[in-house]
């Protein structure tokens, strides 16, 4: 009888295990499954972030534009962008269609600056913050001719023009030199080519003339010039687009401030 009682007890235990505990082995309970799904869906998305500066080496009177673009899971990120320059918060912009811009100050000190953009998403529980850095370098105009020339940035090109209503290339250089009382230049680009001493690029200074057949401009420094380009364009500072320029040093007065 005792042996039979033990067998019955063991059989009852096995039935209980098969009916409950053993079935649970290797299978998630409803509560555990719900926790797993919740963890998966609560993972934060990481937005893309691009940070562009229109000119990383610029002169203080023409500060560049900083542009931020961001997408989250293929859609425009919503939220705000915090712009910092050399560690200082300088602007907060709202992302519109995933884009925000900020123009750097013209009062930045001369030298190198670190630009940082941080996205603060509108839904921080589901989207992560993102930060990107870039650097810019500011320069100061060191020439009275260049200081005068940049005041006409945006003036349209006019063939034969020699006034702020419109300039062609040699009309612009002649006007600037005349109104800085440096020297009276010939009217044509070829005439201005012979108005001073030809120097190498290494010895060229801001305010010198730069000449290529059929065109003339003013050297700004840092491989940049300011000129009246061609019909349909306007006066602005731009990079020198070819290597074969002739640098003409006209007067010491052109290179002083």
C-alpha atoms as a PDB file:
ATOM      1  CA  UNK A   1       0.000   0.000   0.000  1.00  0.00           C
ATOM      2  CA  UNK A   2       2.828   2.348   0.775  1.00  0.00           C
ATOM      3  CA  UNK A   3       4.463   1.598  -2.574  1.00  0.00           C
ATOM      4  CA  UNK A   4       1.207   2.250  -4.378  1.00  0.00           C
ATOM      5  CA  UNK A   5       0.806   5.586  -2.594  1.00  0.00           C
ATOM      6  CA  UNK A   6       4.261   6.703  -3.678  1.00  0.00           C
ATOM      7  CA  UNK A   7       3.545   5.826  -7.310  1.00  0.00           C
ATOM      8  CA  UNK A   8       0.291   7.741  -7.213  1.00  0.00           C
ATOM      9  CA  UNK A   9       2.004  10.757  -5.714  1.00  0.00           C
ATOM     10  CA  UNK A  10       4.744  10.722  -8.377  1.00  0.00           C
ATOM     11  CA  UNK A  11       2.179  10.374 -11.106  1.00  0.00           C
ATOM     12  CA  UNK A  12       0.322  13.363  -9.765  1.00  0.00           C
ATOM     13  CA  UNK A  13       3.482  15.482  -9.756  1.00  0.00           C
ATOM     14  CA  UNK A  14       4.298  14.557 -13.358  1.00  0.00           C
ATOM     15  CA  UNK A  15       0.799  15.434 -14.441  1.00  0.00           C
ATOM     16  CA  UNK A  16       1.091  18.772 -12.734  1.00  0.00           C
ATOM     17  CA  UNK A  17       4.413  19.517 -14.420  1.00  0.00           C
ATOM     18  CA  UNK A  18       3.135  18.490 -17.825  1.00  0.00           C
ATOM     19  CA  UNK A  19       0.051  20.573 -17.367  1.00  0.00           C
ATOM     20  CA  UNK A  20       1.898  23.664 -16.231  1.00  0.00           C
ATOM     21  CA  UNK A  21       5.610  24.101 -15.665  1.00  0.00           C
ATOM     22  CA  UNK A  22       7.059  21.937 -18.409  1.00  0.00           C
ATOM     23  CA  UNK A  23       4.940  23.571 -21.081  1.00  0.00           C
ATOM     24  CA  UNK A  24       6.380  26.980 -20.062  1.00  0.00           C
ATOM     25  CA  UNK A  25       9.974  25.887 -20.636  1.00  0.00           C
ATOM     26  CA  UNK A  26      11.408  27.675 -23.723  1.00  0.00           C
ATOM     27  CA  UNK A  27       8.231  29.675 -24.352  1.00  0.00           C
ATOM     28  CA  UNK A  28       7.693  33.349 -23.478  1.00  0.00           C
ATOM     29  CA  UNK A  29       4.867  34.164 -21.144  1.00  0.00           C
ATOM     30  CA  UNK A  30       2.389  36.854 -22.290  1.00  0.00           C
ATOM     31  CA  UNK A  31       3.968  39.353 -19.869  1.00  0.00           C
ATOM     32  CA  UNK A  32       7.497  38.658 -21.155  1.00  0.00           C
ATOM     33  CA  UNK A  33       6.375  38.962 -24.785  1.00  0.00           C
ATOM     34  CA  UNK A  34       4.759  42.303 -24.057  1.00  0.00           C
ATOM     35  CA  UNK A  35       7.985  43.544 -22.442  1.00  0.00           C
ATOM     36  CA  UNK A  36      10.005  42.461 -25.484  1.00  0.00           C
ATOM     37  CA  UNK A  37       7.686  44.272 -27.908  1.00  0.00           C
ATOM     38  CA  UNK A  38       7.730  47.398 -25.749  1.00  0.00           C
ATOM     39  CA  UNK A  39      11.541  47.416 -25.666  1.00  0.00           C
ATOM     40  CA  UNK A  40      11.763  47.009 -29.444  1.00  0.00           C
ATOM     41  CA  UNK A  41       9.312  49.782 -30.221  1.00  0.00           C
ATOM     42  CA  UNK A  42      10.862  52.202 -27.723  1.00  0.00           C
ATOM     43  CA  UNK A  43      14.297  52.198 -29.418  1.00  0.00           C
ATOM     44  CA  UNK A  44      15.183  55.760 -30.442  1.00  0.00           C
ATOM     45  CA  UNK A  45      15.724  56.634 -34.084  1.00  0.00           C
ATOM     46  CA  UNK A  46      18.999  58.295 -35.060  1.00  0.00           C
ATOM     47  CA  UNK A  47      18.451  61.172 -37.523  1.00  0.00           C
ATOM     48  CA  UNK A  48      20.851  61.947 -40.341  1.00  0.00           C
ATOM     49  CA  UNK A  49      22.559  65.312 -40.109  1.00  0.00           C
ATOM     50  CA  UNK A  50      24.478  67.270 -42.736  1.00  0.00           C
ATOM     51  CA  UNK A  51      26.248  70.529 -41.892  1.00  0.00           C
ATOM     52  CA  UNK A  52      27.482  72.752 -44.708  1.00  0.00           C
ATOM     53  CA  UNK A  53      29.146  76.173 -44.772  1.00  0.00           C
ATOM     54  CA  UNK A  54      29.029  78.165 -48.004  1.00  0.00           C
ATOM     55  CA  UNK A  55      32.632  79.348 -47.516  1.00  0.00           C
ATOM     56  CA  UNK A  56      35.002  78.010 -44.859  1.00  0.00           C
ATOM     57  CA  UNK A  57      37.630  80.681 -45.470  1.00  0.00           C
ATOM     58  CA  UNK A  58      36.051  84.093 -45.748  1.00  0.00           C
ATOM     59  CA  UNK A  59      36.434  87.806 -45.217  1.00  0.00           C
ATOM     60  CA  UNK A  60      34.549  89.350 -42.334  1.00  0.00           C
ATOM     61  CA  UNK A  61      32.346  91.591 -44.448  1.00  0.00           C
ATOM     62  CA  UNK A  62      30.939  88.609 -46.347  1.00  0.00           C
ATOM     63  CA  UNK A  63      30.141  85.967 -43.708  1.00  0.00           C
ATOM     64  CA  UNK A  64      28.986  82.588 -45.045  1.00  0.00           C
ATOM     65  CA  UNK A  65      25.721  80.732 -44.543  1.00  0.00           C
ATOM     66  CA  UNK A  66      25.589  77.610 -42.381  1.00  0.00           C
ATOM     67  CA  UNK A  67      22.981  75.083 -43.547  1.00  0.00           C
ATOM     68  CA  UNK A  68      21.690  72.068 -41.627  1.00  0.00           C
ATOM     69  CA  UNK A  69      19.579  69.291 -43.160  1.00  0.00           C
ATOM     70  CA  UNK A  70      18.175  66.295 -41.305  1.00  0.00           C
ATOM     71  CA  UNK A  71      16.032  63.231 -41.966  1.00  0.00           C
ATOM     72  CA  UNK A  72      14.628  60.674 -39.547  1.00  0.00           C
ATOM     73  CA  UNK A  73      13.625  57.319 -41.021  1.00  0.00           C
ATOM     74  CA  UNK A  74      13.305  58.956 -44.431  1.00  0.00           C
ATOM     75  CA  UNK A  75      11.195  61.888 -43.268  1.00  0.00           C
ATOM     76  CA  UNK A  76      12.113  65.493 -42.451  1.00  0.00           C
ATOM     77  CA  UNK A  77      13.203  65.787 -38.844  1.00  0.00           C
ATOM     78  CA  UNK A  78      11.091  68.099 -36.671  1.00  0.00           C
ATOM     79  CA  UNK A  79      12.586  70.142 -33.860  1.00  0.00           C
ATOM     80  CA  UNK A  80      15.151  72.874 -33.315  1.00  0.00           C
ATOM     81  CA  UNK A  81      18.811  73.397 -34.172  1.00  0.00           C
ATOM     82  CA  UNK A  82      21.175  75.024 -31.698  1.00  0.00           C
ATOM     83  CA  UNK A  83      24.106  76.762 -33.418  1.00  0.00           C
ATOM     84  CA  UNK A  84      27.288  77.376 -31.443  1.00  0.00           C
ATOM     85  CA  UNK A  85      30.449  79.142 -32.559  1.00  0.00           C
ATOM     86  CA  UNK A  86      33.626  78.572 -30.549  1.00  0.00           C
ATOM     87  CA  UNK A  87      31.476  77.167 -27.731  1.00  0.00           C
ATOM     88  CA  UNK A  88      29.059  80.108 -27.564  1.00  0.00           C
ATOM     89  CA  UNK A  89      25.366  79.673 -28.380  1.00  0.00           C
ATOM     90  CA  UNK A  90      24.656  82.129 -31.199  1.00  0.00           C
ATOM     91  CA  UNK A  91      21.274  81.076 -32.583  1.00  0.00           C
ATOM     92  CA  UNK A  92      18.354  78.686 -32.236  1.00  0.00           C
ATOM     93  CA  UNK A  93      16.440  77.876 -35.414  1.00  0.00           C
ATOM     94  CA  UNK A  94      13.339  75.744 -36.024  1.00  0.00           C
ATOM     95  CA  UNK A  95      13.731  72.983 -38.584  1.00  0.00           C
ATOM     96  CA  UNK A  96      11.431  73.580 -41.551  1.00  0.00           C
ATOM     97  CA  UNK A  97      11.071  70.589 -43.843  1.00  0.00           C
ATOM     98  CA  UNK A  98      14.174  69.239 -42.148  1.00  0.00           C
ATOM     99  CA  UNK A  99      16.267  72.345 -42.892  1.00  0.00           C
ATOM    100  CA  UNK A 100      17.604  75.295 -40.885  1.00  0.00           C
ATOM    101  CA  UNK A 101      20.127  78.038 -41.711  1.00  0.00           C
ATOM    102  CA  UNK A 102      22.227  80.601 -39.875  1.00  0.00           C
ATOM    103  CA  UNK A 103      24.525  83.278 -41.299  1.00  0.00           C
ATOM    104  CA  UNK A 104      27.717  83.717 -39.326  1.00  0.00           C
ATOM    105  CA  UNK A 105      28.351  87.108 -37.771  1.00  0.00           C
ATOM    106  CA  UNK A 106      30.502  89.641 -39.591  1.00  0.00           C
ATOM    107  CA  UNK A 107      31.926  90.588 -36.183  1.00  0.00           C
ATOM    108  CA  UNK A 108      33.737  87.323 -35.510  1.00  0.00           C
ATOM    109  CA  UNK A 109      37.352  87.814 -34.537  1.00  0.00           C
ATOM    110  CA  UNK A 110      39.963  87.074 -37.175  1.00  0.00           C
ATOM    111  CA  UNK A 111      41.138  83.480 -37.020  1.00  0.00           C
ATOM    112  CA  UNK A 112      39.808  79.935 -36.773  1.00  0.00           C
ATOM    113  CA  UNK A 113      36.389  79.128 -35.297  1.00  0.00           C
ATOM    114  CA  UNK A 114      34.577  75.870 -34.560  1.00  0.00           C
ATOM    115  CA  UNK A 115      30.950  75.774 -35.673  1.00  0.00           C
ATOM    116  CA  UNK A 116      28.656  73.247 -33.977  1.00  0.00           C
ATOM    117  CA  UNK A 117      25.048  72.384 -34.806  1.00  0.00           C
ATOM    118  CA  UNK A 118      22.933  70.228 -32.474  1.00  0.00           C
ATOM    119  CA  UNK A 119      19.472  68.903 -33.322  1.00  0.00           C
ATOM    120  CA  UNK A 120      16.988  68.863 -30.454  1.00  0.00           C
ATOM    121  CA  UNK A 121      14.152  66.718 -31.855  1.00  0.00           C
ATOM    122  CA  UNK A 122      10.520  67.583 -31.238  1.00  0.00           C
ATOM    123  CA  UNK A 123       9.985  63.999 -29.985  1.00  0.00           C
ATOM    124  CA  UNK A 124      13.002  63.305 -27.751  1.00  0.00           C
ATOM    125  CA  UNK A 125      11.512  60.044 -26.469  1.00  0.00           C
ATOM    126  CA  UNK A 126      11.682  58.493 -29.933  1.00  0.00           C
ATOM    127  CA  UNK A 127      14.410  60.462 -31.738  1.00  0.00           C
ATOM    128  CA  UNK A 128      17.985  60.981 -30.584  1.00  0.00           C
ATOM    129  CA  UNK A 129      19.874  64.268 -30.535  1.00  0.00           C
ATOM    130  CA  UNK A 130      22.582  64.691 -33.176  1.00  0.00           C
ATOM    131  CA  UNK A 131      25.584  67.009 -33.277  1.00  0.00           C
ATOM    132  CA  UNK A 132      28.051  67.881 -36.017  1.00  0.00           C
ATOM    133  CA  UNK A 133      31.077  70.150 -36.174  1.00  0.00           C
ATOM    134  CA  UNK A 134      32.969  72.078 -38.814  1.00  0.00           C
ATOM    135  CA  UNK A 135      35.550  74.860 -38.809  1.00  0.00           C
ATOM    136  CA  UNK A 136      35.750  78.236 -40.521  1.00  0.00           C
ATOM    137  CA  UNK A 137      38.536  80.765 -40.787  1.00  0.00           C
ATOM    138  CA  UNK A 138      37.902  84.498 -40.912  1.00  0.00           C
ATOM    139  CA  UNK A 139      40.186  87.084 -42.472  1.00  0.00           C
ATOM    140  CA  UNK A 140      40.264  90.844 -42.366  1.00  0.00           C
ATOM    141  CA  UNK A 141      40.632  93.008 -45.433  1.00  0.00           C
ATOM    142  CA  UNK A 142      43.988  94.719 -45.275  1.00  0.00           C
ATOM    143  CA  UNK A 143      43.730  96.936 -48.328  1.00  0.00           C
ATOM    144  CA  UNK A 144      41.948 100.244 -48.837  1.00  0.00           C
ATOM    145  CA  UNK A 145      41.216  99.211 -52.436  1.00  0.00           C
ATOM    146  CA  UNK A 146      39.585  95.954 -51.330  1.00  0.00           C
ATOM    147  CA  UNK A 147      37.639  97.718 -48.596  1.00  0.00           C
ATOM    148  CA  UNK A 148      36.213 100.050 -51.253  1.00  0.00           C
ATOM    149  CA  UNK A 149      35.622  97.284 -53.793  1.00  0.00           C
ATOM    150  CA  UNK A 150      33.522  95.058 -51.520  1.00  0.00           C
ATOM    151  CA  UNK A 151      31.046  97.897 -50.990  1.00  0.00           C
ATOM    152  CA  UNK A 152      29.826  97.262 -54.541  1.00  0.00           C
ATOM    153  CA  UNK A 153      29.184  93.555 -54.003  1.00  0.00           C
ATOM    154  CA  UNK A 154      25.972  92.645 -55.817  1.00  0.00           C
ATOM    155  CA  UNK A 155      26.243  95.427 -58.427  1.00  0.00           C
ATOM    156  CA  UNK A 156      25.272  94.013 -61.801  1.00  0.00           C
ATOM    157  CA  UNK A 157      27.582  93.653 -64.755  1.00  0.00           C
ATOM    158  CA  UNK A 158      26.901  96.169 -67.524  1.00  0.00           C
ATOM    159  CA  UNK A 159      28.985  96.175 -70.683  1.00  0.00           C
ATOM    160  CA  UNK A 160      30.827  99.502 -70.862  1.00  0.00           C
ATOM    161  CA  UNK A 161      29.608 100.385 -67.351  1.00  0.00           C
ATOM    162  CA  UNK A 162      31.855 102.454 -65.099  1.00  0.00           C
ATOM    163  CA  UNK A 163      29.571 103.577 -62.252  1.00  0.00           C
ATOM    164  CA  UNK A 164      27.648 101.978 -59.343  1.00  0.00           C
ATOM    165  CA  UNK A 165      24.657 101.688 -61.698  1.00  0.00           C
ATOM    166  CA  UNK A 166      26.618  98.926 -63.437  1.00  0.00           C
ATOM    167  CA  UNK A 167      30.247  97.990 -64.173  1.00  0.00           C
ATOM    168  CA  UNK A 168      32.217  95.964 -66.633  1.00  0.00           C
ATOM    169  CA  UNK A 169      35.517  94.508 -65.445  1.00  0.00           C
ATOM    170  CA  UNK A 170      37.885  97.379 -66.243  1.00  0.00           C
ATOM    171  CA  UNK A 171      35.245 100.014 -65.466  1.00  0.00           C
ATOM    172  CA  UNK A 172      34.996  98.546 -61.969  1.00  0.00           C
ATOM    173  CA  UNK A 173      38.745  98.484 -61.257  1.00  0.00           C
ATOM    174  CA  UNK A 174      39.210 101.993 -62.663  1.00  0.00           C
ATOM    175  CA  UNK A 175      36.354 103.362 -60.548  1.00  0.00           C
ATOM    176  CA  UNK A 176      37.634 101.758 -57.320  1.00  0.00           C
ATOM    177  CA  UNK A 177      41.201 102.945 -57.832  1.00  0.00           C
ATOM    178  CA  UNK A 178      40.044 106.465 -58.671  1.00  0.00           C
ATOM    179  CA  UNK A 179      37.796 106.762 -55.617  1.00  0.00           C
ATOM    180  CA  UNK A 180      40.456 105.502 -53.240  1.00  0.00           C
ATOM    181  CA  UNK A 181      42.821 108.114 -54.705  1.00  0.00           C
ATOM    182  CA  UNK A 182      45.406 105.484 -55.521  1.00  0.00           C
ATOM    183  CA  UNK A 183      45.994 106.022 -59.206  1.00  0.00           C
ATOM    184  CA  UNK A 184      44.154 106.862 -62.399  1.00  0.00           C
ATOM    185  CA  UNK A 185      44.040 103.670 -64.457  1.00  0.00           C
ATOM    186  CA  UNK A 186      43.570 103.239 -68.209  1.00  0.00           C
ATOM    187  CA  UNK A 187      40.022 102.310 -69.226  1.00  0.00           C
ATOM    188  CA  UNK A 188      40.758  98.936 -70.832  1.00  0.00           C
ATOM    189  CA  UNK A 189      41.882  95.697 -69.179  1.00  0.00           C
ATOM    190  CA  UNK A 190      44.909  95.447 -71.503  1.00  0.00           C
ATOM    191  CA  UNK A 191      45.880  99.028 -70.627  1.00  0.00           C
ATOM    192  CA  UNK A 192      45.623  98.269 -66.913  1.00  0.00           C
ATOM    193  CA  UNK A 193      47.859  95.236 -67.411  1.00  0.00           C
ATOM    194  CA  UNK A 194      50.689  97.687 -68.105  1.00  0.00           C
ATOM    195  CA  UNK A 195      49.798 100.237 -65.434  1.00  0.00           C
ATOM    196  CA  UNK A 196      52.229  98.879 -62.862  1.00  0.00           C
ATOM    197  CA  UNK A 197      54.872  96.306 -62.068  1.00  0.00           C
ATOM    198  CA  UNK A 198      54.224  92.628 -62.699  1.00  0.00           C
ATOM    199  CA  UNK A 199      54.907  90.536 -59.585  1.00  0.00           C
ATOM    200  CA  UNK A 200      54.684  86.840 -58.751  1.00  0.00           C
ATOM    201  CA  UNK A 201      51.695  85.458 -56.915  1.00  0.00           C
ATOM    202  CA  UNK A 202      53.882  84.928 -53.867  1.00  0.00           C
ATOM    203  CA  UNK A 203      54.674  88.634 -53.749  1.00  0.00           C
ATOM    204  CA  UNK A 204      51.180  89.834 -54.673  1.00  0.00           C
ATOM    205  CA  UNK A 205      49.239  91.783 -52.064  1.00  0.00           C
ATOM    206  CA  UNK A 206      45.601  92.563 -51.477  1.00  0.00           C
ATOM    207  CA  UNK A 207      44.646  95.498 -53.689  1.00  0.00           C
ATOM    208  CA  UNK A 208      46.868  94.524 -56.626  1.00  0.00           C
ATOM    209  CA  UNK A 209      45.303  94.049 -60.043  1.00  0.00           C
ATOM    210  CA  UNK A 210      44.897  90.562 -61.473  1.00  0.00           C
ATOM    211  CA  UNK A 211      44.819  90.219 -65.229  1.00  0.00           C
ATOM    212  CA  UNK A 212      44.071  87.506 -67.741  1.00  0.00           C
ATOM    213  CA  UNK A 213      43.576  88.288 -71.455  1.00  0.00           C
ATOM    214  CA  UNK A 214      40.273  90.139 -71.804  1.00  0.00           C
ATOM    215  CA  UNK A 215      39.608  90.423 -68.087  1.00  0.00           C
ATOM    216  CA  UNK A 216      40.838  92.252 -64.988  1.00  0.00           C
ATOM    217  CA  UNK A 217      39.940  92.220 -61.302  1.00  0.00           C
ATOM    218  CA  UNK A 218      41.302  93.078 -57.865  1.00  0.00           C
ATOM    219  CA  UNK A 219      43.266  90.622 -55.761  1.00  0.00           C
ATOM    220  CA  UNK A 220      41.745  90.074 -52.317  1.00  0.00           C
ATOM    221  CA  UNK A 221      44.315  87.605 -51.010  1.00  0.00           C
ATOM    222  CA  UNK A 222      43.970  83.949 -50.124  1.00  0.00           C
ATOM    223  CA  UNK A 223      43.573  82.952 -53.795  1.00  0.00           C
ATOM    224  CA  UNK A 224      40.457  85.133 -54.138  1.00  0.00           C
ATOM    225  CA  UNK A 225      39.552  88.121 -56.281  1.00  0.00           C
ATOM    226  CA  UNK A 226      36.687  90.571 -56.566  1.00  0.00           C
ATOM    227  CA  UNK A 227      35.563  91.487 -60.057  1.00  0.00           C
ATOM    228  CA  UNK A 228      32.715  92.243 -62.423  1.00  0.00           C
ATOM    229  CA  UNK A 229      32.505  88.822 -64.105  1.00  0.00           C
ATOM    230  CA  UNK A 230      30.288  88.884 -67.211  1.00  0.00           C
ATOM    231  CA  UNK A 231      26.753  89.712 -68.424  1.00  0.00           C
ATOM    232  CA  UNK A 232      24.110  88.211 -66.161  1.00  0.00           C
ATOM    233  CA  UNK A 233      26.428  88.140 -63.151  1.00  0.00           C
ATOM    234  CA  UNK A 234      27.223  90.612 -60.388  1.00  0.00           C
ATOM    235  CA  UNK A 235      30.278  91.771 -58.483  1.00  0.00           C
ATOM    236  CA  UNK A 236      31.393  89.445 -55.704  1.00  0.00           C
ATOM    237  CA  UNK A 237      34.445  87.881 -54.091  1.00  0.00           C
ATOM    238  CA  UNK A 238      35.257  84.501 -55.596  1.00  0.00           C
ATOM    239  CA  UNK A 239      38.065  81.992 -55.911  1.00  0.00           C
ATOM    240  CA  UNK A 240      40.525  82.348 -58.775  1.00  0.00           C
ATOM    241  CA  UNK A 241      39.413  79.765 -61.311  1.00  0.00           C
ATOM    242  CA  UNK A 242      42.637  79.443 -63.320  1.00  0.00           C
ATOM    243  CA  UNK A 243      46.374  79.407 -62.689  1.00  0.00           C
ATOM    244  CA  UNK A 244      47.497  81.760 -65.470  1.00  0.00           C
ATOM    245  CA  UNK A 245      46.871  85.136 -63.822  1.00  0.00           C
ATOM    246  CA  UNK A 246      49.175  88.131 -64.082  1.00  0.00           C
ATOM    247  CA  UNK A 247      49.526  90.094 -60.844  1.00  0.00           C
ATOM    248  CA  UNK A 248      50.137  93.829 -61.280  1.00  0.00           C
ATOM    249  CA  UNK A 249      51.380  95.918 -58.385  1.00  0.00           C
ATOM    250  CA  UNK A 250      50.170  99.429 -59.178  1.00  0.00           C
ATOM    251  CA  UNK A 251      50.890 101.498 -56.087  1.00  0.00           C
ATOM    252  CA  UNK A 252      51.848 101.039 -52.466  1.00  0.00           C
ATOM    253  CA  UNK A 253      48.742 103.058 -51.591  1.00  0.00           C
ATOM    254  CA  UNK A 254      46.580 100.238 -52.899  1.00  0.00           C
ATOM    255  CA  UNK A 255      47.868  97.845 -50.250  1.00  0.00           C
ATOM    256  CA  UNK A 256      47.400  99.972 -47.150  1.00  0.00           C
ATOM    257  CA  UNK A 257      44.320 100.494 -45.032  1.00  0.00           C
END
